[in-house]
Protein backbone atom coordinates (compact mmCIF):
# COMPACT_ATOMS: atom_id res chain seq x y z
CA MET A 1 -143.62 -19.48 -49.80
CA ASN A 2 -147.17 -19.41 -50.92
CA TYR A 3 -148.52 -22.44 -52.94
CA ILE A 4 -147.66 -22.34 -56.85
CA ASN A 5 -151.16 -23.82 -58.33
CA ARG A 6 -150.17 -27.14 -60.68
CA THR A 7 -151.50 -28.52 -63.37
CA ILE A 8 -151.52 -32.03 -61.39
CA ASP A 9 -153.38 -30.90 -58.64
CA LYS A 10 -156.82 -31.96 -60.97
CA SER A 11 -155.50 -35.40 -61.28
CA LEU A 12 -154.97 -35.13 -57.52
CA LEU A 13 -158.41 -33.78 -56.89
CA GLU A 14 -160.40 -36.11 -59.24
CA TRP A 15 -158.18 -39.21 -57.06
CA LYS A 16 -159.66 -37.90 -53.81
CA ASN A 17 -163.07 -38.40 -55.01
CA GLU A 18 -163.03 -41.32 -56.88
CA ALA A 19 -165.23 -44.55 -55.62
CA GLU A 20 -162.90 -46.35 -55.86
CA ARG A 21 -159.57 -45.48 -55.56
CA LYS A 22 -155.84 -46.84 -54.71
CA PRO A 23 -153.03 -45.74 -53.07
CA LEU A 24 -150.87 -43.07 -54.95
CA LEU A 25 -147.19 -42.86 -55.84
CA LEU A 26 -146.50 -39.53 -56.57
CA ARG A 27 -143.10 -40.01 -58.76
CA GLY A 28 -140.39 -37.49 -60.15
CA ALA A 29 -137.20 -35.91 -59.66
CA ARG A 30 -136.23 -34.45 -56.28
CA GLN A 31 -138.00 -30.33 -55.54
CA VAL A 32 -140.01 -30.12 -58.34
CA GLY A 33 -142.74 -29.63 -55.87
CA LYS A 34 -144.17 -33.48 -54.60
CA SER A 35 -144.66 -32.77 -51.59
CA SER A 36 -146.24 -29.35 -51.64
CA SER A 37 -149.07 -30.63 -54.18
CA VAL A 38 -150.01 -33.68 -51.69
CA ARG A 39 -149.60 -30.69 -48.84
CA GLU A 40 -152.70 -28.32 -50.47
CA LEU A 41 -154.35 -31.41 -50.84
CA GLY A 42 -154.09 -32.42 -47.14
CA LYS A 43 -156.33 -28.75 -47.07
CA LYS A 44 -159.18 -30.38 -47.66
CA PHE A 45 -159.62 -33.52 -45.61
CA ASP A 46 -160.61 -33.25 -41.58
CA TYR A 47 -156.82 -34.67 -40.93
CA PHE A 48 -153.64 -34.84 -42.55
CA LEU A 49 -150.72 -36.56 -41.99
CA GLU A 50 -147.59 -36.16 -43.17
CA ILE A 51 -144.49 -38.55 -42.35
CA ASN A 52 -140.87 -38.37 -44.13
CA PHE A 53 -138.72 -41.31 -43.59
CA GLU A 54 -135.80 -39.58 -44.16
CA LYS A 55 -135.55 -37.56 -40.91
CA LYS A 56 -134.08 -39.33 -38.39
CA GLN A 57 -136.61 -38.68 -35.48
CA ASN A 58 -138.95 -41.03 -37.55
CA LYS A 59 -136.87 -44.27 -37.37
CA LYS A 60 -139.22 -45.61 -34.77
CA VAL A 61 -141.49 -45.40 -38.01
CA LYS A 62 -139.10 -47.30 -40.12
CA GLU A 63 -139.07 -49.69 -36.91
CA LEU A 64 -142.86 -50.19 -37.43
CA PHE A 65 -143.21 -50.79 -41.18
CA ASN A 66 -140.29 -53.22 -40.41
CA THR A 67 -142.78 -54.66 -37.87
CA THR A 68 -146.15 -55.03 -39.36
CA SER A 69 -147.96 -54.97 -42.47
CA SER A 70 -151.12 -54.71 -41.10
CA PRO A 71 -152.68 -51.22 -42.29
CA LYS A 72 -154.97 -51.38 -39.17
CA THR A 73 -152.02 -51.75 -36.77
CA LEU A 74 -149.61 -49.07 -39.19
CA CYS A 75 -152.74 -46.87 -38.38
CA ASP A 76 -153.32 -47.53 -34.90
CA GLU A 77 -149.84 -47.03 -34.05
CA LEU A 78 -149.65 -43.80 -36.56
CA SER A 79 -152.79 -42.48 -34.89
CA LEU A 80 -150.92 -42.48 -31.26
CA MET A 81 -147.31 -41.54 -32.35
CA TYR A 82 -148.72 -38.75 -34.15
CA GLU A 83 -152.00 -37.61 -32.29
CA THR A 84 -153.40 -37.59 -35.52
CA PRO A 85 -156.74 -39.65 -35.81
CA ILE A 86 -156.28 -41.77 -38.83
CA VAL A 87 -160.18 -42.33 -40.42
CA SER A 88 -160.66 -43.61 -43.76
CA GLY A 89 -162.70 -40.78 -45.74
CA LYS A 90 -161.74 -38.24 -43.39
CA THR A 91 -157.51 -38.75 -42.87
CA LEU A 92 -154.92 -37.89 -45.66
CA LEU A 93 -152.09 -40.06 -45.10
CA PHE A 94 -148.58 -38.59 -47.02
CA LEU A 95 -146.20 -40.95 -46.50
CA ASP A 96 -142.74 -38.62 -47.84
CA GLU A 97 -139.45 -40.15 -49.06
CA ILE A 98 -140.78 -43.59 -49.01
CA GLN A 99 -138.45 -44.94 -50.66
CA ALA A 100 -135.96 -44.94 -47.51
CA CYS A 101 -138.18 -47.38 -46.22
CA ILE A 102 -139.19 -50.12 -48.68
CA PRO A 103 -141.65 -51.91 -46.44
CA ALA A 104 -143.30 -49.12 -46.21
CA ILE A 105 -143.48 -49.24 -50.38
CA SER A 106 -144.56 -52.79 -50.11
CA SER A 107 -147.35 -51.74 -47.47
CA LEU A 108 -149.12 -49.73 -50.48
CA ARG A 109 -151.00 -53.26 -51.91
CA PHE A 110 -152.23 -54.34 -48.19
CA PHE A 111 -153.32 -50.80 -47.47
CA TYR A 112 -155.54 -51.14 -50.96
CA GLU A 113 -157.05 -54.72 -50.22
CA GLU A 114 -157.38 -53.90 -46.39
CA MET A 115 -158.47 -50.11 -46.18
CA PRO A 116 -159.47 -48.87 -49.38
CA ASP A 117 -161.25 -45.93 -48.54
CA LEU A 118 -158.40 -44.63 -46.86
CA HIS A 119 -156.79 -41.99 -48.49
CA VAL A 120 -152.90 -43.21 -48.77
CA ILE A 121 -150.39 -40.83 -50.81
CA SER A 122 -146.87 -41.53 -51.44
CA ALA A 123 -144.01 -40.00 -52.53
CA GLY A 124 -140.24 -39.99 -53.40
CA SER A 125 -137.45 -39.30 -55.66
CA LEU A 126 -135.33 -42.02 -56.07
CA LEU A 127 -138.53 -44.15 -56.31
CA GLU A 128 -137.24 -46.19 -59.04
CA PHE A 129 -134.01 -47.58 -57.58
CA ALA A 130 -136.34 -48.67 -54.61
CA LEU A 131 -138.84 -50.08 -56.75
CA GLN A 132 -136.19 -52.26 -58.17
CA GLU A 133 -135.90 -53.88 -54.48
CA VAL A 134 -139.19 -54.50 -53.84
CA PRO A 135 -139.92 -58.59 -54.26
CA SER A 136 -143.65 -58.16 -55.36
CA PHE A 137 -144.74 -54.35 -56.07
CA GLY A 138 -148.50 -53.55 -55.88
CA VAL A 139 -149.17 -54.15 -59.38
CA GLY A 140 -152.73 -53.38 -60.51
CA ARG A 141 -153.54 -52.17 -56.62
CA ILE A 142 -150.96 -48.90 -57.04
CA ARG A 143 -151.93 -45.97 -58.91
CA SER A 144 -148.88 -43.80 -60.22
CA LEU A 145 -148.84 -40.31 -61.05
CA PHE A 146 -145.62 -38.29 -62.90
CA MET A 147 -144.80 -34.63 -61.70
CA PHE A 148 -142.23 -32.34 -63.71
CA PRO A 149 -140.58 -28.92 -63.15
CA LEU A 150 -143.57 -26.13 -63.92
CA SER A 151 -144.41 -25.48 -67.47
CA PHE A 152 -145.05 -22.23 -69.21
CA ASP A 153 -148.39 -22.35 -68.49
CA GLU A 154 -148.14 -23.25 -64.69
CA PHE A 155 -144.73 -20.57 -64.86
CA ILE A 156 -147.02 -17.56 -66.08
CA ARG A 157 -150.16 -18.09 -63.96
CA ALA A 158 -147.68 -17.91 -61.07
CA MET A 159 -146.08 -14.79 -62.44
CA GLY A 160 -150.34 -14.11 -62.25
CA ALA A 161 -151.12 -13.61 -65.83
CA ASN A 162 -153.81 -15.82 -65.81
CA MET A 163 -155.75 -14.28 -68.16
CA LEU A 164 -152.96 -14.64 -70.62
CA ALA A 165 -152.54 -18.54 -69.53
CA ASP A 166 -156.37 -18.82 -70.61
CA ARG A 167 -155.71 -16.75 -73.86
CA LEU A 168 -153.03 -18.43 -75.02
CA GLN A 169 -155.00 -22.25 -74.86
CA GLU A 170 -157.42 -21.05 -76.53
CA ALA A 171 -155.23 -20.00 -79.23
CA THR A 172 -154.59 -22.09 -82.62
CA ILE A 173 -153.50 -20.97 -86.27
CA GLU A 174 -156.91 -19.93 -86.78
CA ASN A 175 -157.33 -17.73 -83.90
CA PRO A 176 -154.06 -16.67 -83.53
CA LEU A 177 -152.40 -14.01 -80.53
CA SER A 178 -152.15 -10.34 -81.47
CA GLU A 179 -148.44 -8.74 -81.99
CA GLN A 180 -148.49 -6.97 -78.52
CA THR A 181 -149.82 -10.45 -77.17
CA HIS A 182 -147.32 -12.26 -78.85
CA ALA A 183 -144.67 -9.94 -77.78
CA LYS A 184 -145.36 -10.65 -74.12
CA CYS A 185 -145.18 -14.11 -74.63
CA LYS A 186 -141.66 -13.99 -75.56
CA GLU A 187 -140.57 -11.69 -72.74
CA LEU A 188 -142.16 -14.13 -70.26
CA LEU A 189 -140.48 -17.27 -72.71
CA LEU A 190 -137.12 -15.69 -72.14
CA LYS A 191 -137.71 -16.24 -68.35
CA HIS A 192 -138.92 -19.05 -67.81
CA ILE A 193 -135.68 -20.33 -69.98
CA LEU A 194 -133.24 -18.64 -67.62
CA ILE A 195 -135.57 -19.25 -64.28
CA GLY A 196 -136.33 -22.66 -65.43
CA GLY A 197 -139.40 -24.63 -63.43
CA MET A 198 -137.90 -25.73 -60.31
CA PRO A 199 -141.23 -24.48 -57.72
CA GLU A 200 -138.26 -22.81 -55.41
CA VAL A 201 -136.87 -20.47 -58.08
CA VAL A 202 -139.96 -19.75 -60.09
CA SER A 203 -141.56 -18.59 -56.45
CA LYS A 204 -138.22 -16.26 -55.48
CA TYR A 205 -138.60 -14.68 -59.00
CA ALA A 206 -142.37 -14.24 -58.67
CA ASN A 207 -142.48 -12.47 -54.90
CA GLY A 208 -139.54 -10.16 -56.44
CA GLY A 209 -136.27 -12.16 -55.98
CA THR A 210 -133.53 -10.46 -58.42
CA LEU A 211 -132.16 -13.03 -61.59
CA LEU A 212 -129.07 -13.06 -59.41
CA GLU A 213 -130.80 -14.55 -56.31
CA CYS A 214 -132.78 -17.09 -58.85
CA GLN A 215 -128.86 -18.42 -59.99
CA GLN A 216 -128.23 -18.45 -56.49
CA THR A 217 -130.84 -21.18 -55.87
CA LEU A 218 -130.22 -22.89 -58.79
CA ASP A 219 -126.97 -23.08 -57.82
CA ASP A 220 -127.98 -24.66 -54.06
CA LEU A 221 -130.79 -27.18 -55.86
CA THR A 222 -127.61 -28.10 -58.39
CA LEU A 223 -125.61 -28.87 -55.15
CA THR A 224 -128.10 -31.17 -53.95
CA PHE A 225 -128.85 -33.63 -57.02
CA TYR A 226 -124.59 -33.80 -56.52
CA ASP A 227 -125.21 -35.06 -52.74
CA ASP A 228 -127.94 -37.55 -54.30
CA PHE A 229 -125.33 -39.13 -56.11
CA ALA A 230 -123.78 -40.33 -52.99
CA LYS A 231 -127.03 -42.08 -52.85
CA TYR A 232 -126.30 -44.00 -55.88
CA LYS A 233 -122.42 -45.21 -55.01
CA GLU A 234 -123.68 -48.24 -53.93
CA ARG A 235 -123.92 -49.22 -57.97
CA VAL A 236 -122.19 -46.55 -59.46
CA PRO A 237 -118.99 -44.38 -57.97
CA VAL A 238 -119.98 -40.93 -57.65
CA SER A 239 -117.04 -39.68 -59.58
CA ARG A 240 -118.41 -41.22 -62.65
CA LEU A 241 -122.13 -40.37 -62.26
CA ARG A 242 -121.30 -36.81 -61.87
CA GLU A 243 -118.66 -37.10 -65.02
CA VAL A 244 -121.36 -38.90 -67.37
CA PHE A 245 -124.01 -35.94 -65.88
CA SER A 246 -121.55 -33.21 -67.14
CA SER A 247 -121.54 -34.84 -70.34
CA ILE A 248 -125.36 -35.38 -71.30
CA ILE A 249 -125.36 -31.96 -70.73
CA ARG A 250 -122.62 -30.73 -72.89
CA GLN A 251 -123.96 -33.46 -75.66
CA THR A 252 -127.94 -31.81 -75.06
CA GLY A 253 -128.66 -31.63 -78.62
CA GLU A 254 -126.65 -34.28 -80.22
CA LYS A 255 -126.65 -38.07 -80.44
CA PHE A 256 -125.34 -39.28 -77.22
CA THR A 257 -121.60 -40.64 -77.47
CA TYR A 258 -120.21 -42.82 -75.01
CA SER A 259 -116.74 -41.85 -75.78
CA LYS A 260 -117.03 -38.59 -74.79
CA ALA A 261 -119.27 -39.61 -71.79
CA SER A 262 -115.47 -40.91 -69.83
CA GLN A 263 -111.91 -41.48 -70.34
CA SER A 264 -111.71 -44.10 -67.79
CA ALA A 265 -115.05 -46.24 -68.05
CA ASN A 266 -115.97 -48.79 -70.36
CA HIS A 267 -119.34 -48.68 -72.59
CA LEU A 268 -121.37 -50.89 -69.72
CA GLN A 269 -120.16 -48.51 -67.08
CA ILE A 270 -121.26 -45.70 -68.56
CA LYS A 271 -125.00 -47.11 -69.86
CA GLU A 272 -125.20 -48.42 -65.76
CA SER A 273 -124.55 -44.58 -64.75
CA VAL A 274 -126.56 -43.41 -67.74
CA ASP A 275 -130.23 -45.34 -66.78
CA LEU A 276 -129.14 -44.99 -63.07
CA LEU A 277 -129.83 -40.85 -64.03
CA GLU A 278 -132.92 -41.85 -65.73
CA LEU A 279 -134.36 -43.49 -63.18
CA ALA A 280 -133.85 -40.78 -61.07
CA GLY A 281 -136.07 -38.52 -63.19
CA ILE A 282 -133.11 -35.89 -63.70
CA VAL A 283 -132.74 -37.02 -67.88
CA TYR A 284 -134.84 -38.07 -70.43
CA PRO A 285 -134.45 -40.28 -73.61
CA VAL A 286 -135.08 -38.95 -76.92
CA THR A 287 -135.13 -41.90 -78.79
CA HIS A 288 -134.26 -42.47 -82.67
CA THR A 289 -137.12 -43.84 -84.86
CA SER A 290 -137.50 -45.25 -88.43
CA ALA A 291 -140.87 -43.47 -88.31
CA ASN A 292 -142.48 -45.71 -90.85
CA GLY A 293 -145.79 -46.21 -89.43
CA LEU A 294 -147.07 -46.48 -86.22
CA PRO A 295 -146.91 -46.48 -82.97
CA LEU A 296 -142.74 -44.89 -83.47
CA ALA A 297 -141.81 -46.92 -80.47
CA ALA A 298 -142.20 -50.01 -82.89
CA GLU A 299 -139.01 -48.86 -84.96
CA GLN A 300 -137.15 -47.07 -82.13
CA ASN A 301 -133.65 -47.52 -82.49
CA ILE A 302 -132.16 -47.33 -78.84
CA LYS A 303 -127.96 -47.29 -80.00
CA TYR A 304 -129.30 -43.82 -80.93
CA ARG A 305 -130.30 -41.36 -78.36
CA LYS A 306 -130.46 -38.01 -77.14
CA TYR A 307 -131.26 -36.75 -73.57
CA LEU A 308 -132.22 -33.99 -72.04
CA ILE A 309 -131.75 -33.09 -68.60
CA PHE A 310 -135.14 -31.87 -66.59
CA ASP A 311 -134.90 -28.64 -66.32
CA THR A 312 -133.17 -25.79 -68.53
CA GLY A 313 -132.56 -23.17 -65.43
CA ILE A 314 -130.62 -25.55 -63.90
CA TYR A 315 -128.99 -26.58 -67.83
CA GLN A 316 -127.81 -22.89 -68.14
CA ARG A 317 -126.39 -22.83 -64.79
CA PHE A 318 -124.52 -25.92 -65.09
CA LEU A 319 -123.16 -24.47 -68.16
CA LYS A 320 -122.30 -20.92 -67.06
CA LEU A 321 -124.12 -19.62 -70.18
CA ASP A 322 -124.25 -15.67 -70.06
CA LEU A 323 -127.46 -14.52 -69.25
CA SER A 324 -126.81 -10.93 -70.85
CA ASN A 325 -127.95 -13.46 -74.19
CA PHE A 326 -131.00 -14.59 -72.55
CA LEU A 327 -132.45 -10.69 -71.86
CA ASN A 328 -132.75 -10.17 -75.96
CA VAL A 329 -135.36 -12.26 -77.75
CA ASN A 330 -132.98 -11.77 -81.15
CA ARG A 331 -130.05 -13.08 -79.77
CA LEU A 332 -131.40 -16.34 -78.46
CA GLU A 333 -130.63 -18.50 -81.24
CA GLN A 334 -126.56 -17.52 -80.42
CA VAL A 335 -127.01 -19.09 -77.02
CA ASN A 336 -125.74 -22.04 -77.49
CA ASN A 337 -126.04 -22.62 -80.80
CA GLY A 338 -130.35 -22.58 -80.23
CA THR A 339 -129.98 -26.04 -78.07
CA LEU A 340 -131.44 -24.20 -75.52
CA THR A 341 -134.87 -24.00 -77.25
CA GLU A 342 -134.56 -27.41 -78.57
CA LEU A 343 -134.49 -28.57 -74.82
CA TYR A 344 -137.21 -26.56 -73.95
CA ALA A 345 -139.21 -27.67 -76.43
CA GLY A 346 -138.93 -31.17 -75.97
CA LEU A 347 -139.04 -30.72 -71.79
CA GLU A 348 -142.54 -28.97 -72.34
CA MET A 349 -144.07 -31.96 -74.31
CA LYS A 350 -143.12 -33.83 -72.15
CA LYS A 351 -145.23 -31.81 -69.45
CA ALA A 352 -147.76 -32.02 -71.66
CA SER A 353 -147.99 -35.76 -71.61
CA SER A 354 -150.42 -37.78 -69.13
CA THR A 355 -149.70 -37.72 -65.57
CA HIS A 356 -150.41 -41.36 -65.34
CA PHE A 357 -148.38 -42.17 -68.64
CA PRO A 358 -146.01 -39.84 -70.01
CA SER A 359 -144.84 -39.55 -73.21
CA GLU A 360 -142.21 -40.55 -74.43
CA LEU A 361 -139.97 -38.43 -76.84
CA TYR A 362 -138.73 -39.62 -80.56
CA TYR A 363 -136.39 -37.90 -83.12
CA TRP A 364 -135.78 -39.18 -86.63
CA GLN A 365 -132.40 -39.04 -88.49
CA ARG A 366 -132.23 -40.55 -92.43
CA GLU A 367 -130.15 -43.75 -92.16
CA LYS A 368 -128.30 -43.12 -95.31
CA TYR A 369 -124.73 -43.14 -94.83
CA GLY A 370 -123.61 -39.71 -95.05
CA SER A 371 -126.95 -38.22 -95.32
CA GLU A 372 -126.92 -35.41 -92.48
CA ALA A 373 -131.36 -35.03 -92.61
CA GLU A 374 -132.47 -35.07 -89.23
CA VAL A 375 -135.46 -34.12 -87.19
CA ASP A 376 -135.84 -32.26 -83.80
CA TYR A 377 -138.42 -34.33 -82.94
CA VAL A 378 -141.44 -36.50 -84.24
CA VAL A 379 -144.59 -37.05 -82.51
CA GLN A 380 -147.77 -38.84 -83.55
CA ARG A 381 -151.02 -36.24 -83.50
CA GLU A 382 -154.26 -38.43 -84.46
CA SER A 383 -153.37 -41.07 -86.55
CA ASN A 384 -149.99 -38.90 -88.24
CA ILE A 385 -146.63 -39.38 -87.58
CA ILE A 386 -146.00 -35.31 -87.64
CA PRO A 387 -141.82 -33.96 -88.01
CA VAL A 388 -141.25 -31.19 -85.74
CA GLU A 389 -138.41 -28.59 -85.82
CA ILE A 390 -137.00 -26.46 -83.17
CA LYS A 391 -136.19 -22.80 -84.26
CA SER A 392 -134.58 -20.45 -82.10
CA GLY A 393 -135.68 -17.25 -84.40
CA THR A 394 -138.02 -16.81 -86.95
CA LYS A 395 -135.70 -17.72 -90.20
CA GLY A 396 -133.71 -21.06 -90.80
CA THR A 397 -134.54 -24.00 -94.01
CA MET A 398 -136.50 -26.87 -93.41
CA GLN A 399 -134.67 -28.94 -95.46
CA SER A 400 -135.19 -32.37 -93.07
CA MET A 401 -138.36 -31.67 -92.47
CA TYR A 402 -139.25 -31.84 -96.46
CA ARG A 403 -137.49 -34.50 -96.86
CA PHE A 404 -138.87 -36.49 -94.01
CA ILE A 405 -142.46 -35.15 -95.13
CA SER A 406 -142.14 -36.62 -98.53
CA GLU A 407 -140.69 -39.92 -97.43
CA LYS A 408 -143.15 -40.52 -94.79
CA ASN A 409 -146.06 -38.93 -96.81
CA SER A 410 -146.92 -36.69 -93.87
CA LYS A 411 -149.63 -34.38 -93.97
CA TYR A 412 -147.96 -31.82 -92.79
CA GLY A 413 -144.53 -31.07 -90.30
CA ILE A 414 -144.71 -28.23 -87.38
CA ARG A 415 -141.80 -25.26 -87.31
CA CYS A 416 -142.15 -24.48 -83.34
CA SER A 417 -140.18 -21.13 -83.46
CA MET A 418 -140.13 -17.38 -82.09
CA GLU A 419 -142.87 -16.62 -84.68
CA ASN A 420 -146.60 -15.90 -84.05
CA PHE A 421 -148.98 -18.44 -85.30
CA GLY A 422 -149.25 -19.06 -88.57
CA GLN A 423 -148.84 -21.82 -91.93
CA PHE A 424 -147.40 -21.76 -95.32
CA GLN A 425 -148.06 -24.53 -97.34
CA ASN A 426 -148.27 -27.70 -95.55
CA ILE A 427 -145.74 -26.24 -92.73
CA LYS A 428 -147.95 -25.18 -89.53
CA ILE A 429 -146.21 -22.83 -87.29
CA PHE A 430 -146.15 -22.73 -83.43
CA PRO A 431 -144.51 -20.26 -81.03
CA LEU A 432 -142.15 -21.86 -78.91
CA TYR A 433 -144.13 -20.92 -75.41
CA THR A 434 -146.89 -23.37 -76.87
CA ALA A 435 -144.90 -26.34 -77.27
CA ASP A 436 -147.41 -27.68 -75.47
CA LYS A 437 -149.98 -27.83 -77.87
CA ILE A 438 -147.54 -30.51 -80.33
CA ILE A 439 -149.11 -33.30 -77.76
CA LYS A 440 -152.29 -31.73 -76.60
CA ASN A 441 -153.97 -30.60 -80.17
């Protein structure tokens, strides 16, 4: 499989060239491309040594990390085991699936203190679970980077549309796209929503694979996430995790109601399952905020949350949505009542945030009893609080947005839809395929 260039490559290269760097911890859900990106970076070094702690043949390596935390001793022994020189400034040492070896996580702080010139990257898909077991994780001595499935920009570049991607980066309300380019973007958007952003699926499609083959790959990936649930069983029964995961998907786009999640588990048990899925990076919360001032987190209410599953491809496969509805842009709003586009926009905003500190997502609902006013997302742009409405088509009322603008004295609102760039009154229109600009600009 050919490597797909990722946005995070720039951050990795910057880290490589820093005069003073810390060991890097690459975090994100399984199969989002962490290992591939590190291997690509490894090509820029004289030597590259990858150790996967989940492989049975690396049992001796685990034993080594259990017996010593000295970086020099570790490097000497690893160099002999793998017959690869480990030289500061010339070697990239990659510790993959590091969550399977807790002592290896603890050793990262010592690499920073005792061998600061050695490039060390670790990665894992269930890291947050493991970090809870590390008694003294190296705060201030380790840098984290967060990785997600492919964004729309990464997707269309993988499809060979680099010039189009560059044009999209320049596009604004003052510099809109031509109708021909807008139509092309909508066509690619539908494919991205359908396929999702998992690198294996995107690569298959970019290399001539059919939609049916992509569906089969998505089914295989979904099973791997279910298999992972067995690794949580010491904390939560697998059956309950599946039940709660299923409920989160079915409740996408609405406030998560615990009573709908399980008929046998109580509120605390369901919350524990939700927390684990969030720690695993496969669901992201969208939290209610009163949005009366900045920061938005100051007035958040964690009792009112929506949840987004991390990939639209996985989402549509789980719900077994009718693919024929996806292939016509004019019928997109009929697919799952427009929930899919709200999910897509939220994921694009998440992916567009800093790789070091991913943005939290917020929504607003009028707290007056009986009121149905709700805004899909609320974001901070410069020093302004801006409401964002997501539309699957080109029409739709925006009563909730206007109410928000009036109550909160917002300078403007953003409508993210299948329309081209535009503006009317105090509403700015962003095409759905540029949802990332809501965060970036």
